[in-house]
N, C-alpha and C. Protein backbone atom coordinates (compact mmCIF):
# COMPACT_ATOMS: atom_id res chain seq x y z
N MET A 1 34.10 29.42 -26.33
CA MET A 1 35.08 28.62 -26.82
C MET A 1 34.84 28.57 -28.50
N LYS A 2 35.85 28.70 -29.07
CA LYS A 2 35.80 28.96 -30.45
C LYS A 2 35.55 27.60 -31.16
N SER A 3 35.04 27.66 -32.36
CA SER A 3 34.72 26.52 -33.25
C SER A 3 36.05 25.56 -33.36
N THR A 4 37.09 26.21 -33.80
CA THR A 4 38.38 25.53 -33.95
C THR A 4 38.62 24.83 -32.76
N GLU A 5 38.58 25.45 -31.47
CA GLU A 5 38.89 24.78 -30.39
C GLU A 5 38.00 23.38 -30.22
N ILE A 6 36.77 23.61 -30.35
CA ILE A 6 35.79 22.53 -30.24
C ILE A 6 36.09 21.42 -31.19
N ILE A 7 36.40 21.64 -32.36
CA ILE A 7 37.00 20.50 -33.43
C ILE A 7 38.02 19.89 -32.86
N GLN A 8 39.04 20.71 -32.35
CA GLN A 8 40.46 20.03 -31.90
C GLN A 8 40.11 19.25 -30.78
N LEU A 9 39.31 19.70 -29.89
CA LEU A 9 38.83 18.77 -28.56
C LEU A 9 38.25 17.68 -28.81
N GLN A 10 37.14 17.83 -29.90
CA GLN A 10 36.42 16.48 -30.29
C GLN A 10 37.42 15.50 -30.90
N ASN A 11 38.38 15.83 -31.90
CA ASN A 11 39.36 14.94 -32.25
C ASN A 11 40.17 14.39 -31.21
N TYR A 12 40.51 15.20 -30.37
CA TYR A 12 41.47 14.61 -29.10
C TYR A 12 40.71 13.62 -28.31
N LEU A 13 39.45 13.78 -28.02
CA LEU A 13 38.71 12.85 -27.31
C LEU A 13 38.40 11.71 -28.16
N ARG A 14 38.09 11.72 -29.39
CA ARG A 14 38.00 10.47 -30.14
C ARG A 14 39.23 9.75 -30.37
N ARG A 15 40.28 10.37 -30.54
CA ARG A 15 41.69 9.59 -30.51
C ARG A 15 41.69 8.88 -29.09
N THR A 16 41.67 9.66 -28.03
CA THR A 16 41.98 9.03 -26.71
C THR A 16 41.20 8.08 -26.16
N PHE A 17 39.92 8.03 -26.57
CA PHE A 17 38.96 6.91 -26.06
C PHE A 17 38.70 5.97 -27.37
N ASN A 18 39.33 6.33 -28.44
CA ASN A 18 39.17 5.36 -29.63
C ASN A 18 37.56 5.24 -29.81
N ASN A 19 37.03 6.38 -29.92
CA ASN A 19 35.61 6.34 -30.21
C ASN A 19 35.21 7.33 -31.05
N LEU A 20 34.79 6.97 -32.49
CA LEU A 20 34.35 8.13 -33.31
C LEU A 20 32.98 8.49 -33.01
N GLY A 21 32.35 7.93 -31.99
CA GLY A 21 31.01 8.41 -31.68
C GLY A 21 30.82 9.54 -30.74
N ILE A 22 31.94 10.03 -30.40
CA ILE A 22 32.10 11.13 -29.44
C ILE A 22 31.93 12.45 -30.28
N ARG A 23 30.92 13.29 -29.76
CA ARG A 23 30.57 14.57 -30.40
C ARG A 23 30.87 15.71 -29.47
N VAL A 24 31.45 16.80 -29.81
CA VAL A 24 31.52 17.93 -28.98
C VAL A 24 30.63 18.91 -29.62
N LYS A 25 29.58 19.34 -28.91
CA LYS A 25 28.57 20.35 -29.58
C LYS A 25 28.93 21.69 -29.30
N GLU A 26 28.96 22.55 -30.09
CA GLU A 26 28.89 24.07 -29.91
C GLU A 26 27.70 24.49 -29.27
N PRO A 27 27.89 25.22 -28.22
CA PRO A 27 26.72 25.77 -27.45
C PRO A 27 25.71 26.62 -28.17
N ALA A 28 24.56 26.76 -27.78
CA ALA A 28 23.47 27.67 -28.38
C ALA A 28 24.05 28.99 -27.95
N LYS A 29 24.46 29.18 -26.72
CA LYS A 29 24.82 30.64 -26.37
C LYS A 29 26.45 30.46 -26.09
N GLU A 30 27.07 31.73 -26.18
CA GLU A 30 28.37 31.78 -26.12
C GLU A 30 29.03 31.31 -24.58
N THR A 31 28.16 31.89 -23.67
CA THR A 31 28.64 31.45 -22.35
C THR A 31 28.23 30.24 -21.88
N ALA A 32 27.43 29.40 -22.54
CA ALA A 32 26.95 28.03 -22.13
C ALA A 32 28.12 27.14 -22.14
N PRO A 33 28.05 26.12 -21.32
CA PRO A 33 29.23 24.98 -21.37
C PRO A 33 29.01 24.23 -22.61
N VAL A 34 30.22 23.91 -23.13
CA VAL A 34 30.32 22.81 -24.42
C VAL A 34 29.76 21.47 -24.00
N GLU A 35 28.88 20.72 -24.63
CA GLU A 35 28.47 19.54 -24.27
C GLU A 35 29.17 18.62 -25.10
N VAL A 36 29.46 17.30 -24.31
CA VAL A 36 30.01 16.15 -25.05
C VAL A 36 28.95 15.12 -24.94
N MET A 37 28.99 14.52 -26.30
CA MET A 37 27.89 13.39 -26.35
C MET A 37 28.67 12.29 -26.90
N MET A 38 28.05 10.98 -26.64
CA MET A 38 28.44 9.67 -27.04
C MET A 38 27.14 9.28 -27.72
N GLY A 39 27.05 9.28 -29.26
CA GLY A 39 25.94 8.95 -29.94
C GLY A 39 24.83 10.06 -29.61
N ASP A 40 23.77 9.71 -29.05
CA ASP A 40 22.70 10.76 -28.80
C ASP A 40 22.64 10.96 -27.27
N GLU A 41 23.55 10.30 -26.57
CA GLU A 41 23.58 10.43 -25.18
C GLU A 41 24.56 11.44 -24.62
N PHE A 42 24.26 12.54 -23.76
CA PHE A 42 24.83 13.51 -23.05
C PHE A 42 25.83 12.84 -21.99
N ILE A 43 26.99 13.13 -22.16
CA ILE A 43 27.91 12.25 -21.25
C ILE A 43 28.76 13.34 -20.13
N GLY A 44 28.83 14.73 -20.59
CA GLY A 44 29.51 15.54 -19.86
C GLY A 44 29.73 16.91 -20.44
N THR A 45 30.38 17.68 -19.88
CA THR A 45 30.74 19.24 -20.28
C THR A 45 32.32 19.39 -20.38
N LEU A 46 32.52 20.36 -21.35
CA LEU A 46 33.93 20.87 -21.27
C LEU A 46 33.91 22.35 -20.99
N HIS A 47 34.97 22.65 -20.16
CA HIS A 47 35.12 23.96 -19.86
C HIS A 47 36.60 24.62 -20.32
N ARG A 48 36.58 25.75 -20.60
CA ARG A 48 37.93 26.28 -20.85
C ARG A 48 38.44 27.11 -19.78
N ASP A 49 39.61 26.97 -19.46
CA ASP A 49 40.23 27.77 -18.36
C ASP A 49 41.49 28.43 -18.92
N ASP A 50 41.50 29.89 -18.70
CA ASP A 50 42.54 30.62 -19.42
C ASP A 50 43.00 31.25 -18.11
N ASP A 51 44.40 31.02 -17.71
CA ASP A 51 44.86 31.53 -16.52
C ASP A 51 46.29 32.19 -16.81
N GLU A 52 46.15 33.50 -16.96
CA GLU A 52 47.46 34.22 -17.26
C GLU A 52 47.98 33.65 -18.63
N GLY A 53 47.38 33.45 -19.51
CA GLY A 53 47.83 33.11 -20.91
C GLY A 53 48.09 31.64 -21.09
N GLU A 54 47.91 30.69 -19.99
CA GLU A 54 47.94 29.26 -20.22
C GLU A 54 46.45 28.77 -20.08
N VAL A 55 46.31 28.05 -21.20
CA VAL A 55 44.99 27.57 -21.59
C VAL A 55 44.98 25.97 -21.20
N CYS A 56 43.81 25.72 -20.28
CA CYS A 56 43.60 24.17 -20.40
C CYS A 56 42.06 23.88 -20.29
N TYR A 57 41.86 22.59 -20.40
CA TYR A 57 40.33 22.39 -20.66
C TYR A 57 40.15 21.29 -19.63
N HIS A 58 38.73 21.40 -19.01
CA HIS A 58 38.29 20.57 -17.94
C HIS A 58 37.15 19.75 -18.58
N PHE A 59 37.05 18.30 -18.55
CA PHE A 59 36.01 17.65 -18.85
C PHE A 59 35.36 17.06 -17.60
N GLN A 60 34.05 17.41 -17.49
CA GLN A 60 33.39 17.03 -16.25
C GLN A 60 32.28 16.06 -16.65
N MET A 61 32.30 14.69 -16.03
CA MET A 61 31.30 13.73 -16.31
C MET A 61 30.86 13.25 -15.00
N THR A 62 29.52 13.32 -14.74
CA THR A 62 28.83 12.95 -13.74
C THR A 62 28.23 11.38 -13.93
N ILE A 63 28.63 10.66 -12.78
CA ILE A 63 28.08 9.30 -12.74
C ILE A 63 27.26 9.05 -11.69
N LEU A 64 25.89 8.68 -11.83
CA LEU A 64 25.05 8.46 -10.84
C LEU A 64 25.15 7.04 -10.32
N ASP A 65 24.72 7.07 -8.99
CA ASP A 65 24.91 5.43 -8.40
C ASP A 65 23.83 4.54 -9.06
N ILE A 66 22.78 5.12 -9.58
CA ILE A 66 21.91 4.18 -10.18
C ILE A 66 22.28 3.75 -11.54
N ASP A 67 23.28 4.55 -12.14
CA ASP A 67 23.98 4.11 -13.41
C ASP A 67 25.03 2.78 -13.13
N LEU A 68 25.41 2.66 -12.09
CA LEU A 68 26.17 1.76 -11.58
C LEU A 68 25.63 0.30 -11.43
N GLU A 69 24.30 0.28 -11.09
CA GLU A 69 23.69 -0.99 -10.88
C GLU A 69 23.63 -1.87 -12.13
N GLY A 70 24.13 -3.01 -11.90
CA GLY A 70 24.05 -4.10 -12.90
C GLY A 70 25.41 -4.26 -13.58
N SER A 71 26.46 -3.27 -13.01
CA SER A 71 27.73 -3.27 -13.69
C SER A 71 28.59 -4.26 -12.96
């Protein structure tokens, strides 16, 4: 994913979730997934899907059952 895309996605997520603490990190390797952080906490990954010239992005967030305790 290009740096310009990462910045656009970060801005989109910040606006959508009204949270300036969201950061989208450029991966260390070009083939690695892009990480989404909230503050210092990893919250998910972003993947780019290019199908016949149509581009979309998938945000994947895993929530463990133990994270739900006390909610």
